[in-house]
Amino acid sequence: MTITYTHEKGLYINMTNRCSNRCDFCVRSYGDTLYGNLWLEREPTVEEIIASIAERDLTQYSELVFCGYGEPTERLDDMLAVCRYVREHSDITIRINTNGQSELICGPDSTPRFHGMFDIVSISLNTADADSYDAVCHSEYGKAAYPAILAFAEHVKQYVERVILSVVDTTIPPVDIEKCRQMAKDIGVEFRLREYIEEK
């Protein structure tokens, strides 16, 4: 069972298979990925996650990233417990890659809990409007997901220094990329155009 894995200079934490989305382009649809098979036969305990991190020399990595096959905020309490451990033992940058639906998954009062735990929140926006998002990402929350993602970005920037809205370059038309870029600017967060990495 792969709990932690590396990519470039980052150490990544794979906590869950659960996700509120079923995105058409998600790597979990392909089985083994560039990082191996990240499918978990069960969710690792907090203790197992911490043990996996403790086996690593965190000084060798530029950042610790919560990102696996599932949505990390599906296990918000456990993720924060891991963050507290890391904060006590390292000054490594902590990032979460999220679908931005934390306030739907965990409730509207969840965002302040990000304070002091994360240095970067990277949110996969993916499309430029609710209809397109629903068609591509198939959130269990339907068309309510998209405005909730934008609201989350606006709320979480009060508690985390860097907030990024991202889209994948090949899954969205150029005109919509610019719409997303403008939305990020209007909210007051960063924008990132991610390269799509095709699985073999």
Protein backbone atom coordinates (compact mmCIF):
# COMPACT_ATOMS: atom_id res chain seq x y z
CA MET A 1 0.00 0.00 0.00
CA THR A 2 1.53 3.30 -1.12
CA ILE A 3 1.06 5.94 1.58
CA THR A 4 3.86 8.31 0.58
CA TYR A 5 5.49 8.71 -2.82
CA THR A 6 7.81 11.19 -4.48
CA HIS A 7 7.50 13.38 -7.54
CA GLU A 8 10.29 15.74 -8.54
CA LYS A 9 11.32 17.39 -5.24
CA GLY A 10 8.06 16.79 -3.39
CA LEU A 11 6.95 14.14 -0.92
CA TYR A 12 3.30 13.26 -1.53
CA ILE A 13 0.79 11.76 0.90
CA ASN A 14 -1.90 9.39 -0.38
CA MET A 15 -4.62 9.17 2.30
CA THR A 16 -7.84 8.07 0.64
CA ASN A 17 -9.55 6.81 -2.49
CA ARG A 18 -12.70 8.77 -1.69
CA CYS A 19 -13.57 11.77 -3.83
CA SER A 20 -16.70 13.82 -4.40
CA ASN A 21 -15.79 14.06 -8.12
CA ARG A 22 -15.54 11.54 -10.94
CA CYS A 23 -13.52 13.63 -13.39
CA ASP A 24 -13.29 12.35 -16.96
CA PHE A 25 -9.55 13.00 -17.09
CA CYS A 26 -8.59 11.73 -13.62
CA VAL A 27 -5.49 9.52 -13.54
CA ARG A 28 -7.21 7.04 -11.23
CA SER A 29 -9.17 5.87 -14.28
CA TYR A 30 -5.98 4.41 -15.75
CA GLY A 31 -4.91 2.07 -12.93
CA ASP A 32 -1.13 2.32 -12.48
CA THR A 33 0.16 5.87 -12.84
CA LEU A 34 3.55 7.48 -13.33
CA TYR A 35 3.87 7.14 -9.55
CA GLY A 36 2.88 3.47 -9.35
CA ASN A 37 -0.44 2.07 -8.18
CA LEU A 38 -1.84 4.49 -5.63
CA TRP A 39 -5.11 2.65 -5.07
CA LEU A 40 -5.47 1.94 -1.35
CA GLU A 41 -6.95 -1.38 -0.21
CA ARG A 42 -7.94 0.53 2.93
CA GLU A 43 -7.38 3.99 4.35
CA PRO A 44 -4.15 4.17 6.35
CA THR A 45 -4.43 5.30 9.95
CA VAL A 46 -2.95 8.59 11.11
CA GLU A 47 -0.27 6.58 12.87
CA GLU A 48 0.60 4.73 9.67
CA ILE A 49 0.80 7.96 7.71
CA ILE A 50 3.06 9.55 10.31
CA ALA A 51 5.25 6.43 10.37
CA SER A 52 5.62 6.58 6.59
CA ILE A 53 6.62 10.25 6.78
CA ALA A 54 9.03 9.56 9.65
CA GLU A 55 10.89 7.06 7.45
CA ARG A 56 11.79 9.91 5.12
CA ASP A 57 14.39 12.63 5.53
CA LEU A 58 12.20 15.70 5.08
CA THR A 59 15.25 17.93 4.49
CA GLN A 60 15.57 16.20 1.10
CA TYR A 61 12.22 17.52 -0.13
CA SER A 62 11.04 20.99 -1.10
CA GLU A 63 7.47 20.41 0.07
CA LEU A 64 5.02 17.94 1.55
CA VAL A 65 1.88 17.55 -0.57
CA PHE A 66 -1.44 15.97 0.31
CA CYS A 67 -2.41 14.44 -3.02
CA GLY A 68 -3.34 10.90 -4.05
CA TYR A 69 -6.16 9.13 -5.83
CA GLY A 70 -8.77 10.74 -3.59
CA GLU A 71 -9.74 14.15 -2.22
CA PRO A 72 -7.70 14.84 0.94
CA THR A 73 -10.43 16.87 2.66
CA GLU A 74 -12.55 13.72 2.80
CA ARG A 75 -10.28 13.05 5.81
CA LEU A 76 -9.86 16.59 7.07
CA ASP A 77 -9.48 15.74 10.77
CA ASP A 78 -6.84 13.10 10.05
CA MET A 79 -5.02 15.35 7.59
CA LEU A 80 -4.82 18.13 10.17
CA ALA A 81 -3.47 15.67 12.73
CA VAL A 82 -0.70 14.75 10.28
CA CYS A 83 -0.03 18.45 9.62
CA ARG A 84 0.38 19.08 13.34
CA TYR A 85 2.93 16.28 13.57
CA VAL A 86 4.88 17.66 10.61
CA ARG A 87 4.78 21.21 12.00
CA GLU A 88 6.27 19.92 15.25
CA HIS A 89 9.14 18.16 13.49
CA SER A 90 9.91 20.17 10.37
CA ASP A 91 9.64 23.56 8.71
CA ILE A 92 8.90 21.98 5.30
CA THR A 93 6.33 23.73 3.11
CA ILE A 94 2.95 21.97 3.26
CA ARG A 95 0.60 22.03 0.27
CA ILE A 96 -2.78 20.48 -0.35
CA ASN A 97 -4.06 19.67 -3.84
CA THR A 98 -7.84 19.78 -3.56
CA ASN A 99 -11.01 19.89 -5.62
CA GLY A 100 -12.08 22.85 -3.50
CA GLN A 101 -15.25 21.25 -2.17
CA SER A 102 -14.15 21.22 1.48
CA GLU A 103 -17.02 23.43 2.60
CA LEU A 104 -19.49 20.99 1.03
CA ILE A 105 -17.72 17.89 2.33
CA CYS A 106 -16.87 19.14 5.82
CA GLY A 107 -19.16 22.10 6.37
CA PRO A 108 -18.83 25.89 5.98
CA ASP A 109 -16.90 26.21 9.23
CA SER A 110 -14.03 24.00 7.99
CA THR A 111 -11.99 26.67 6.23
CA PRO A 112 -10.56 28.43 9.33
CA ARG A 113 -9.03 25.11 10.33
CA PHE A 114 -6.56 25.46 7.45
CA HIS A 115 -4.85 28.33 9.31
CA GLY A 116 -1.30 27.49 10.34
CA MET A 117 -1.52 24.03 8.79
CA PHE A 118 -0.93 24.75 5.10
CA ASP A 119 1.39 27.10 3.24
CA ILE A 120 -0.25 26.50 -0.14
CA VAL A 121 -3.77 25.47 -1.18
CA SER A 122 -3.95 24.44 -4.85
CA ILE A 123 -7.51 24.12 -6.13
CA SER A 124 -8.39 22.29 -9.35
CA LEU A 125 -10.90 24.59 -11.03
CA ASN A 126 -10.87 22.66 -14.33
CA THR A 127 -13.59 24.61 -16.17
CA ALA A 128 -14.97 28.13 -16.54
CA ASP A 129 -18.58 27.58 -15.47
CA ALA A 130 -20.87 25.33 -13.46
CA ASP A 131 -22.44 23.53 -16.43
CA SER A 132 -19.08 22.55 -17.90
CA TYR A 133 -17.78 21.51 -14.48
CA ASP A 134 -20.79 19.28 -13.92
CA ALA A 135 -20.36 17.70 -17.37
CA VAL A 136 -16.64 17.00 -16.92
CA CYS A 137 -16.15 16.47 -13.18
CA HIS A 138 -19.45 14.86 -12.21
CA SER A 139 -19.45 16.08 -8.61
CA GLU A 140 -21.85 14.39 -6.24
CA TYR A 141 -22.98 17.93 -5.41
CA GLY A 142 -24.03 18.62 -9.00
CA LYS A 143 -23.96 22.20 -10.21
CA ALA A 144 -23.69 23.47 -6.62
CA ALA A 145 -20.05 22.35 -6.62
CA TYR A 146 -18.68 25.09 -8.87
CA PRO A 147 -19.84 28.19 -6.92
CA ALA A 148 -18.76 26.39 -3.73
CA ILE A 149 -15.24 26.01 -5.15
CA LEU A 150 -14.99 29.72 -5.91
CA ALA A 151 -16.36 30.57 -2.45
CA PHE A 152 -13.83 28.22 -0.85
CA ALA A 153 -10.98 29.97 -2.68
CA GLU A 154 -12.17 33.33 -1.43
CA HIS A 155 -12.61 32.08 2.13
CA VAL A 156 -9.41 30.05 2.47
CA LYS A 157 -7.19 32.90 1.26
CA GLN A 158 -7.91 34.54 4.61
CA TYR A 159 -6.12 31.68 6.37
CA VAL A 160 -3.47 30.45 3.92
CA GLU A 161 -0.77 32.63 2.38
CA ARG A 162 -0.83 31.13 -1.13
CA VAL A 163 -4.02 29.99 -2.84
CA ILE A 164 -3.92 28.82 -6.46
CA LEU A 165 -6.71 28.09 -8.93
CA SER A 166 -5.54 25.72 -11.64
CA VAL A 167 -6.77 24.26 -14.91
CA VAL A 168 -5.29 21.53 -17.14
CA ASP A 169 -4.18 22.87 -20.51
CA THR A 170 -5.70 20.24 -22.82
CA THR A 171 -9.05 19.85 -21.08
CA ILE A 172 -10.31 23.41 -21.52
CA PRO A 173 -10.56 25.78 -24.54
CA PRO A 174 -8.18 28.78 -24.62
CA VAL A 175 -11.06 31.24 -24.19
CA ASP A 176 -12.12 29.47 -21.01
CA ILE A 177 -8.55 29.44 -19.73
CA GLU A 178 -8.61 33.22 -19.88
CA LYS A 179 -11.98 33.30 -18.09
CA CYS A 180 -10.49 31.19 -15.30
CA ARG A 181 -7.43 33.41 -15.16
CA GLN A 182 -9.71 36.43 -14.73
CA MET A 183 -11.74 34.68 -12.02
CA ALA A 184 -8.57 34.01 -10.06
CA LYS A 185 -7.59 37.66 -10.43
CA ASP A 186 -11.03 38.81 -9.28
CA ILE A 187 -10.88 36.58 -6.20
CA GLY A 188 -7.33 37.71 -5.47
CA VAL A 189 -5.56 34.36 -5.78
CA GLU A 190 -2.94 32.92 -8.11
CA PHE A 191 -3.69 31.18 -11.39
CA ARG A 192 -1.82 28.18 -12.77
CA LEU A 193 -2.13 26.44 -16.13
CA ARG A 194 -1.12 22.81 -15.57
CA GLU A 195 0.26 20.51 -18.22
CA TYR A 196 -1.74 17.35 -18.81
CA ILE A 197 0.47 14.30 -18.33
CA GLU A 198 -0.88 11.38 -20.33
CA GLU A 199 -0.70 8.01 -18.63
CA LYS A 200 1.00 5.20 -20.53
